[in-house]
Every structure is written in C-alpha cells, then in structure tokens.
Amino acid sequence: MNPDGFGQARLTNNAATDHGPSWSPEGTKIASQSDRDGNSEIYVMNTDGSGQTRIKNKSSDEFWPSWLLDSTKITFETTRYGLEEIYATNADESLQTNLITNSVSDNWPVWRQEPALALAATPVLVYLDFNPRFHSESQILGYG
C-alpha cells in the first residue's frame, strides 16, 4: 500500500482469520497468525503474499509473531502447555525454545532496540506478564 492509502493488495485469500502481521526488519518477509488449519498458527510469507509457510504444526494456539532485529528468529505467544508462554523459533523453523518459564501468562512479545538502556547493543524482549493473583494489574518486563 502506498503512503496515501492507495495501491492496497490482498496478501491472503482464504476463509480464515489472518491477522497480527509483523514485517521482518529487512522488509522481505511478513509473519502473521492464521486459523486456516483449525487453530491459530504462525505463517511466514514474502511481502507480495507468495511463499506462505506455516511455522511448525502444533495443536496449541500461537499468536503475535515478532521478528528479532536481525531477522534470524521469530518470537510468539503460545498456549502449548496451558498458560500463554513466549517462544522463539529460528526463521528457518529449525529450533523452538521457551524463553520465559514461570507460573503466569506471558503475552505480546515485541523485540526492541532500546538506546536509552545501558545494554543498547543488546536487543530486549518486551512482553506483558499477567499476575493471576491480581487480575487487574500487569507489568512490563524485559528479557535480554
């Protein structure tokens, strides 16, 4: 789509809900979530919509993909073991790792390069951590 809103192009064409796009930092890929296979899964595609590939087929739901700043990994939220947890996968799908292990739900991972932090050269994973004892309270935590 052009900056003026014209030139829009449909990238997916199915009866599913496709949403939550995340552009790769170099601008060549888009990761998004789709329920086209019956549950929410992470897909990666080229920016023109071609080459749509599912990142691992799991029976759990997977949401909110976010690219690491060098485009080598994608983080996402998953319900794989009951609570929402944050996992990372290599962009080539070769390895998945649970980044945060605790007894509360961890949501909406986003990688940031924070120049104001002392660790400016290190990307920081920012996410929302819900405390089940205080449902109305949450906190932003960082993971480097």
N, C-alpha and C. Protein backbone atom coordinates (compact mmCIF):
# COMPACT_ATOMS: atom_id res chain seq x y z
N MET A 1 0.84 -1.17 0.00
CA MET A 1 0.00 0.00 0.00
C MET A 1 0.89 1.24 0.00
N ASN A 2 0.48 2.22 -0.75
CA ASN A 2 1.19 3.49 -0.80
C ASN A 2 0.91 4.30 0.46
N PRO A 3 1.76 5.29 0.77
CA PRO A 3 1.53 6.12 1.96
C PRO A 3 0.17 6.84 1.94
N ASP A 4 -0.40 7.05 0.75
CA ASP A 4 -1.69 7.75 0.66
C ASP A 4 -2.88 6.79 0.82
N GLY A 5 -2.60 5.48 1.04
CA GLY A 5 -3.68 4.50 1.23
C GLY A 5 -4.11 3.80 -0.04
N PHE A 6 -3.65 4.26 -1.18
CA PHE A 6 -3.99 3.60 -2.44
C PHE A 6 -2.97 2.50 -2.73
N GLY A 7 -3.29 1.66 -3.70
CA GLY A 7 -2.39 0.58 -4.08
C GLY A 7 -2.42 -0.60 -3.12
N GLN A 8 -3.53 -0.78 -2.41
CA GLN A 8 -3.64 -1.91 -1.48
C GLN A 8 -3.66 -3.22 -2.25
N ALA A 9 -3.07 -4.25 -1.67
CA ALA A 9 -3.04 -5.58 -2.28
C ALA A 9 -3.40 -6.62 -1.23
N ARG A 10 -4.26 -7.54 -1.59
CA ARG A 10 -4.62 -8.63 -0.68
C ARG A 10 -3.50 -9.66 -0.70
N LEU A 11 -3.02 -10.05 0.47
CA LEU A 11 -1.90 -10.98 0.55
C LEU A 11 -2.34 -12.41 0.84
N THR A 12 -3.48 -12.59 1.48
CA THR A 12 -4.00 -13.94 1.74
C THR A 12 -5.40 -14.02 1.15
N ASN A 13 -5.81 -15.23 0.78
CA ASN A 13 -7.13 -15.41 0.18
C ASN A 13 -7.69 -16.76 0.63
N ASN A 14 -8.33 -16.74 1.79
CA ASN A 14 -8.94 -17.94 2.34
C ASN A 14 -10.08 -17.52 3.27
N ALA A 15 -10.83 -18.48 3.77
CA ALA A 15 -11.97 -18.18 4.63
C ALA A 15 -11.55 -17.99 6.09
N ALA A 16 -10.26 -18.07 6.38
CA ALA A 16 -9.75 -17.98 7.75
C ALA A 16 -9.59 -16.54 8.20
N THR A 17 -9.28 -16.40 9.47
CA THR A 17 -8.90 -15.11 10.03
C THR A 17 -7.38 -15.03 10.00
N ASP A 18 -6.85 -14.11 9.22
CA ASP A 18 -5.41 -13.87 9.12
C ASP A 18 -5.14 -12.48 9.67
N HIS A 19 -4.32 -12.38 10.71
CA HIS A 19 -4.06 -11.05 11.28
C HIS A 19 -2.77 -11.05 12.08
N GLY A 20 -2.46 -9.93 12.71
CA GLY A 20 -1.26 -9.79 13.52
C GLY A 20 0.02 -9.79 12.72
N PRO A 21 0.08 -9.05 11.59
CA PRO A 21 1.30 -9.09 10.78
C PRO A 21 2.49 -8.43 11.46
N SER A 22 3.66 -8.97 11.18
CA SER A 22 4.92 -8.43 11.67
C SER A 22 5.92 -8.47 10.52
N TRP A 23 6.36 -7.29 10.06
CA TRP A 23 7.34 -7.21 8.97
C TRP A 23 8.71 -7.57 9.49
N SER A 24 9.46 -8.34 8.72
CA SER A 24 10.85 -8.62 9.09
C SER A 24 11.63 -7.31 8.99
N PRO A 25 12.65 -7.14 9.83
CA PRO A 25 13.39 -5.87 9.84
C PRO A 25 13.97 -5.46 8.49
N GLU A 26 14.38 -6.44 7.66
CA GLU A 26 14.93 -6.06 6.35
C GLU A 26 13.83 -5.85 5.31
N GLY A 27 12.56 -6.11 5.70
CA GLY A 27 11.43 -5.80 4.83
C GLY A 27 11.13 -6.79 3.73
N THR A 28 11.62 -8.03 3.84
CA THR A 28 11.40 -9.00 2.76
C THR A 28 10.36 -10.07 3.11
N LYS A 29 10.00 -10.21 4.39
CA LYS A 29 9.06 -11.24 4.84
C LYS A 29 8.03 -10.63 5.79
N ILE A 30 6.89 -11.32 5.90
CA ILE A 30 5.86 -10.95 6.86
C ILE A 30 5.49 -12.21 7.63
N ALA A 31 5.50 -12.14 8.96
CA ALA A 31 4.99 -13.22 9.79
C ALA A 31 3.62 -12.78 10.28
N SER A 32 2.67 -13.71 10.34
CA SER A 32 1.33 -13.37 10.83
C SER A 32 0.70 -14.63 11.42
N GLN A 33 -0.45 -14.46 12.04
CA GLN A 33 -1.16 -15.61 12.59
C GLN A 33 -2.40 -15.87 11.76
N SER A 34 -2.76 -17.15 11.65
CA SER A 34 -3.91 -17.56 10.85
C SER A 34 -4.55 -18.78 11.48
N ASP A 35 -5.88 -18.87 11.39
CA ASP A 35 -6.57 -20.07 11.88
C ASP A 35 -7.04 -20.95 10.71
N ARG A 36 -6.37 -20.85 9.58
CA ARG A 36 -6.77 -21.60 8.38
C ARG A 36 -6.69 -23.11 8.55
N ASP A 37 -5.94 -23.60 9.53
CA ASP A 37 -5.82 -25.04 9.76
C ASP A 37 -6.60 -25.50 10.99
N GLY A 38 -7.49 -24.67 11.49
CA GLY A 38 -8.34 -25.05 12.62
C GLY A 38 -7.96 -24.43 13.94
N ASN A 39 -6.72 -24.02 14.10
CA ASN A 39 -6.29 -23.29 15.29
C ASN A 39 -5.29 -22.23 14.84
N SER A 40 -5.01 -21.29 15.70
CA SER A 40 -4.13 -20.18 15.34
C SER A 40 -2.69 -20.65 15.24
N GLU A 41 -2.08 -20.42 14.08
CA GLU A 41 -0.69 -20.82 13.83
C GLU A 41 0.06 -19.63 13.23
N ILE A 42 1.37 -19.65 13.33
CA ILE A 42 2.21 -18.60 12.75
C ILE A 42 2.61 -19.01 11.34
N TYR A 43 2.42 -18.09 10.40
CA TYR A 43 2.82 -18.28 9.00
C TYR A 43 3.81 -17.19 8.62
N VAL A 44 4.70 -17.50 7.70
CA VAL A 44 5.64 -16.53 7.13
C VAL A 44 5.42 -16.52 5.63
N MET A 45 5.46 -15.32 5.04
CA MET A 45 5.28 -15.18 3.59
C MET A 45 6.17 -14.07 3.07
N ASN A 46 6.36 -14.05 1.77
CA ASN A 46 7.02 -12.93 1.11
C ASN A 46 6.09 -11.73 1.17
N THR A 47 6.62 -10.54 0.97
CA THR A 47 5.81 -9.33 1.10
C THR A 47 4.74 -9.20 0.02
N ASP A 48 4.82 -10.00 -1.05
CA ASP A 48 3.77 -9.98 -2.07
C ASP A 48 2.71 -11.05 -1.82
N GLY A 49 2.83 -11.81 -0.69
CA GLY A 49 1.87 -12.84 -0.34
C GLY A 49 2.25 -14.23 -0.81
N SER A 50 3.29 -14.35 -1.62
CA SER A 50 3.70 -15.66 -2.11
C SER A 50 4.52 -16.39 -1.04
N GLY A 51 4.69 -17.70 -1.25
CA GLY A 51 5.54 -18.49 -0.36
C GLY A 51 5.03 -18.62 1.05
N GLN A 52 3.72 -18.71 1.25
CA GLN A 52 3.18 -18.82 2.60
C GLN A 52 3.53 -20.17 3.22
N THR A 53 4.19 -20.12 4.37
CA THR A 53 4.67 -21.32 5.04
C THR A 53 4.30 -21.28 6.51
N ARG A 54 3.74 -22.38 7.01
CA ARG A 54 3.40 -22.47 8.44
C ARG A 54 4.66 -22.81 9.23
N ILE A 55 4.86 -22.13 10.35
CA ILE A 55 5.97 -22.42 11.25
C ILE A 55 5.50 -23.50 12.22
N LYS A 56 5.89 -24.71 12.00
CA LYS A 56 5.54 -25.87 12.83
C LYS A 56 4.04 -26.02 12.98
N ASN A 57 3.55 -27.23 12.93
CA ASN A 57 2.13 -27.53 13.11
C ASN A 57 1.93 -28.05 14.52
N LYS A 58 1.30 -27.26 15.36
CA LYS A 58 1.03 -27.65 16.74
C LYS A 58 -0.47 -27.62 16.98
N SER A 59 -0.94 -28.39 17.95
CA SER A 59 -2.37 -28.36 18.28
C SER A 59 -2.71 -27.17 19.16
N SER A 60 -1.70 -26.53 19.74
CA SER A 60 -1.92 -25.35 20.57
C SER A 60 -2.07 -24.12 19.67
N ASP A 61 -2.59 -23.05 20.25
CA ASP A 61 -2.70 -21.78 19.52
C ASP A 61 -1.40 -21.00 19.65
N GLU A 62 -1.04 -20.31 18.57
CA GLU A 62 0.16 -19.47 18.56
C GLU A 62 -0.21 -18.11 18.00
N PHE A 63 0.23 -17.04 18.68
CA PHE A 63 -0.18 -15.68 18.37
C PHE A 63 1.00 -14.71 18.33
N TRP A 64 0.77 -13.54 17.83
CA TRP A 64 1.59 -12.34 17.92
C TRP A 64 3.06 -12.55 17.58
N PRO A 65 3.36 -12.89 16.34
CA PRO A 65 4.77 -13.04 15.95
C PRO A 65 5.51 -11.70 15.99
N SER A 66 6.77 -11.77 16.31
CA SER A 66 7.63 -10.58 16.33
C SER A 66 9.04 -11.01 15.94
N TRP A 67 9.61 -10.33 14.95
CA TRP A 67 10.95 -10.67 14.45
C TRP A 67 12.04 -10.12 15.35
N LEU A 68 13.09 -10.92 15.58
CA LEU A 68 14.30 -10.40 16.20
C LEU A 68 14.91 -9.40 15.23
N LEU A 69 15.62 -8.43 15.72
CA LEU A 69 16.08 -7.31 14.89
C LEU A 69 17.00 -7.72 13.74
N ASP A 70 17.65 -8.89 13.82
CA ASP A 70 18.49 -9.33 12.71
C ASP A 70 17.77 -10.34 11.80
N SER A 71 16.48 -10.53 12.02
CA SER A 71 15.61 -11.42 11.21
C SER A 71 15.96 -12.90 11.32
N THR A 72 16.75 -13.31 12.30
CA THR A 72 17.11 -14.72 12.44
C THR A 72 16.10 -15.52 13.25
N LYS A 73 15.31 -14.84 14.09
CA LYS A 73 14.33 -15.52 14.94
C LYS A 73 12.99 -14.78 14.92
N ILE A 74 11.95 -15.56 15.23
CA ILE A 74 10.61 -15.01 15.41
C ILE A 74 10.14 -15.44 16.79
N THR A 75 9.72 -14.49 17.61
CA THR A 75 9.12 -14.84 18.89
C THR A 75 7.61 -14.84 18.72
N PHE A 76 6.93 -15.59 19.58
CA PHE A 76 5.47 -15.66 19.51
C PHE A 76 4.94 -16.14 20.86
N GLU A 77 3.66 -15.90 21.06
CA GLU A 77 2.96 -16.38 22.25
C GLU A 77 2.29 -17.70 21.89
N THR A 78 2.32 -18.67 22.81
CA THR A 78 1.69 -19.96 22.56
C THR A 78 0.97 -20.47 23.80
N THR A 79 -0.06 -21.26 23.59
CA THR A 79 -0.79 -21.91 24.69
C THR A 79 -0.39 -23.37 24.78
N ARG A 80 0.80 -23.68 24.34
CA ARG A 80 1.28 -25.06 24.21
C ARG A 80 1.13 -25.89 25.48
N TYR A 81 1.38 -25.31 26.64
CA TYR A 81 1.30 -26.07 27.89
C TYR A 81 0.30 -25.46 28.87
N GLY A 82 -0.79 -24.88 28.36
CA GLY A 82 -1.85 -24.35 29.21
C GLY A 82 -1.80 -22.84 29.33
N LEU A 83 -0.78 -22.30 29.99
CA LEU A 83 -0.63 -20.85 30.10
C LEU A 83 -0.01 -20.29 28.82
N GLU A 84 -0.23 -19.01 28.58
CA GLU A 84 0.45 -18.37 27.46
C GLU A 84 1.92 -18.22 27.81
N GLU A 85 2.76 -18.72 26.95
CA GLU A 85 4.21 -18.63 27.12
C GLU A 85 4.81 -18.01 25.88
N ILE A 86 6.02 -17.47 26.00
CA ILE A 86 6.70 -16.85 24.87
C ILE A 86 7.81 -17.78 24.40
N TYR A 87 7.74 -18.12 23.13
CA TYR A 87 8.72 -19.00 22.49
C TYR A 87 9.43 -18.22 21.39
N ALA A 88 10.58 -18.72 21.00
CA ALA A 88 11.29 -18.20 19.83
C ALA A 88 11.57 -19.38 18.92
N THR A 89 11.53 -19.13 17.62
CA THR A 89 11.90 -20.13 16.64
C THR A 89 12.89 -19.49 15.68
N ASN A 90 13.82 -20.28 15.19
CA ASN A 90 14.68 -19.78 14.13
C ASN A 90 13.79 -19.48 12.92
N ALA A 91 14.13 -18.49 12.16
CA ALA A 91 13.32 -18.12 10.99
C ALA A 91 13.25 -19.26 9.98
N ASP A 92 14.25 -20.15 9.99
CA ASP A 92 14.22 -21.31 9.10
C ASP A 92 13.48 -22.49 9.73
N GLU A 93 12.82 -22.27 10.86
CA GLU A 93 11.98 -23.25 11.56
C GLU A 93 12.77 -24.36 12.24
N SER A 94 14.09 -24.23 12.37
CA SER A 94 14.90 -25.35 12.83
C SER A 94 14.88 -25.60 14.34
N LEU A 95 14.48 -24.63 15.15
CA LEU A 95 14.55 -24.81 16.60
C LEU A 95 13.51 -23.91 17.27
N GLN A 96 12.80 -24.44 18.26
CA GLN A 96 11.88 -23.63 19.06
C GLN A 96 12.28 -23.73 20.52
N THR A 97 12.31 -22.59 21.20
CA THR A 97 12.77 -22.51 22.58
C THR A 97 11.80 -21.68 23.40
N ASN A 98 11.46 -22.16 24.60
CA ASN A 98 10.65 -21.40 25.54
C ASN A 98 11.56 -20.36 26.18
N LEU A 99 11.28 -19.07 25.99
CA LEU A 99 12.15 -18.01 26.51
C LEU A 99 11.87 -17.66 27.96
N ILE A 100 10.61 -17.82 28.39
CA ILE A 100 10.23 -17.37 29.72
C ILE A 100 9.42 -18.48 30.39
N THR A 101 9.94 -19.03 31.46
CA THR A 101 9.25 -20.10 32.17
C THR A 101 8.85 -19.60 33.54
N ASN A 102 7.56 -19.48 33.76
CA ASN A 102 7.05 -19.08 35.07
C ASN A 102 5.61 -19.56 35.20
N SER A 103 4.94 -19.20 36.27
CA SER A 103 3.59 -19.72 36.52
C SER A 103 2.49 -18.72 36.17
N VAL A 104 2.83 -17.70 35.38
CA VAL A 104 1.83 -16.72 34.94
C VAL A 104 1.84 -16.64 33.42
N SER A 105 0.81 -16.04 32.86
CA SER A 105 0.73 -15.89 31.40
C SER A 105 1.63 -14.76 30.93
N ASP A 106 2.36 -15.01 29.86
CA ASP A 106 3.25 -14.01 29.25
C ASP A 106 2.71 -13.74 27.85
N ASN A 107 2.50 -12.46 27.53
CA ASN A 107 1.79 -12.11 26.31
C ASN A 107 2.50 -11.04 25.48
N TRP A 108 2.16 -11.01 24.20
CA TRP A 108 2.51 -9.97 23.23
C TRP A 108 3.99 -9.63 23.20
N PRO A 109 4.83 -10.57 22.79
CA PRO A 109 6.27 -10.28 22.73
C PRO A 109 6.61 -9.31 21.59
N VAL A 110 7.51 -8.40 21.87
CA VAL A 110 7.99 -7.45 20.86
C VAL A 110 9.47 -7.20 21.14
N TRP A 111 10.30 -7.33 20.11
CA TRP A 111 11.72 -7.03 20.25
C TRP A 111 11.94 -5.54 20.06
N ARG A 112 12.77 -4.97 20.89
CA ARG A 112 13.10 -3.54 20.82
C ARG A 112 14.61 -3.36 20.95
N GLN A 113 15.12 -2.37 20.26
CA GLN A 113 16.49 -1.91 20.48
C GLN A 113 16.34 -0.63 21.26
N GLU A 114 16.69 -0.65 22.51
CA GLU A 114 16.45 0.48 23.40
C GLU A 114 17.72 1.31 23.60
N PRO A 115 17.84 2.43 22.90
CA PRO A 115 19.06 3.24 23.05
C PRO A 115 19.21 3.85 24.43
N ALA A 116 18.10 4.01 25.17
CA ALA A 116 18.18 4.62 26.49
C ALA A 116 18.72 3.65 27.54
N LEU A 117 18.75 2.36 27.23
CA LEU A 117 19.24 1.38 28.19
C LEU A 117 20.75 1.24 28.12
N ALA A 118 21.32 0.85 29.21
CA ALA A 118 22.77 0.62 29.23
C ALA A 118 23.16 -0.50 28.28
N LEU A 119 22.24 -1.43 28.02
CA LEU A 119 22.52 -2.55 27.13
C LEU A 119 22.08 -2.22 25.70
N ALA A 120 22.37 -1.01 25.25
CA ALA A 120 21.87 -0.53 23.96
C ALA A 120 22.23 -1.45 22.80
N ALA A 121 23.33 -2.14 22.89
CA ALA A 121 23.73 -3.00 21.78
C ALA A 121 22.99 -4.34 21.80
N THR A 122 22.28 -4.62 22.88
CA THR A 122 21.58 -5.89 23.03
C THR A 122 20.08 -5.68 22.83
N PRO A 123 19.46 -6.45 21.93
CA PRO A 123 18.00 -6.35 21.79
C PRO A 123 17.32 -6.82 23.07
N VAL A 124 16.21 -6.21 23.40
CA VAL A 124 15.46 -6.54 24.60
C VAL A 124 14.08 -7.03 24.19
N LEU A 125 13.64 -8.14 24.75
CA LEU A 125 12.30 -8.64 24.50
C LEU A 125 11.38 -8.02 25.55
N VAL A 126 10.40 -7.26 25.08
CA VAL A 126 9.43 -6.63 25.97
C VAL A 126 8.14 -7.43 25.86
N TYR A 127 7.53 -7.76 27.00
CA TYR A 127 6.30 -8.52 26.98
C TYR A 127 5.45 -8.15 28.18
N LEU A 128 4.19 -8.54 28.15
CA LEU A 128 3.25 -8.28 29.23
C LEU A 128 3.13 -9.54 30.06
N ASP A 129 3.30 -9.43 31.36
CA ASP A 129 3.27 -10.56 32.27
C ASP A 129 2.08 -10.39 33.21
N PHE A 130 1.08 -11.25 33.09
CA PHE A 130 -0.12 -11.15 33.92
C PHE A 130 0.07 -11.93 35.21
N ASN A 131 -0.21 -11.30 36.32
CA ASN A 131 -0.14 -11.94 37.62
C ASN A 131 -1.52 -12.47 37.96
N PRO A 132 -1.72 -13.81 38.08
CA PRO A 132 -3.05 -14.36 38.31
C PRO A 132 -3.67 -13.96 39.64
N ARG A 133 -2.85 -13.51 40.61
CA ARG A 133 -3.40 -13.10 41.90
C ARG A 133 -4.00 -11.70 41.82
N PHE A 134 -3.58 -10.90 40.86
CA PHE A 134 -4.06 -9.52 40.71
C PHE A 134 -4.48 -9.33 39.26
N HIS A 135 -5.65 -9.81 38.90
CA HIS A 135 -6.09 -9.82 37.51
C HIS A 135 -6.11 -8.44 36.86
N SER A 136 -6.32 -7.40 37.65
CA SER A 136 -6.39 -6.07 37.05
C SER A 136 -5.02 -5.42 36.91
N GLU A 137 -3.98 -6.07 37.42
CA GLU A 137 -2.64 -5.49 37.35
C GLU A 137 -1.76 -6.30 36.39
N SER A 138 -0.88 -5.64 35.73
CA SER A 138 0.11 -6.31 34.90
C SER A 138 1.37 -5.49 34.91
N GLN A 139 2.43 -6.05 34.45
CA GLN A 139 3.68 -5.30 34.43
C GLN A 139 4.43 -5.58 33.13
N ILE A 140 5.19 -4.62 32.70
CA ILE A 140 6.03 -4.79 31.53
C ILE A 140 7.39 -5.26 32.02
N LEU A 141 7.85 -6.34 31.46
CA LEU A 141 9.14 -6.89 31.83
C LEU A 141 10.03 -6.97 30.61
N GLY A 142 11.31 -6.96 30.80
CA GLY A 142 12.23 -7.10 29.69
C GLY A 142 13.04 -8.37 29.84
N TYR A 143 13.43 -8.95 28.72
CA TYR A 143 14.26 -10.14 28.72
C TYR A 143 15.30 -9.95 27.64
N GLY A 144 16.57 -9.99 28.00
CA GLY A 144 17.62 -9.74 27.01
C GLY A 144 18.30 -10.98 26.56
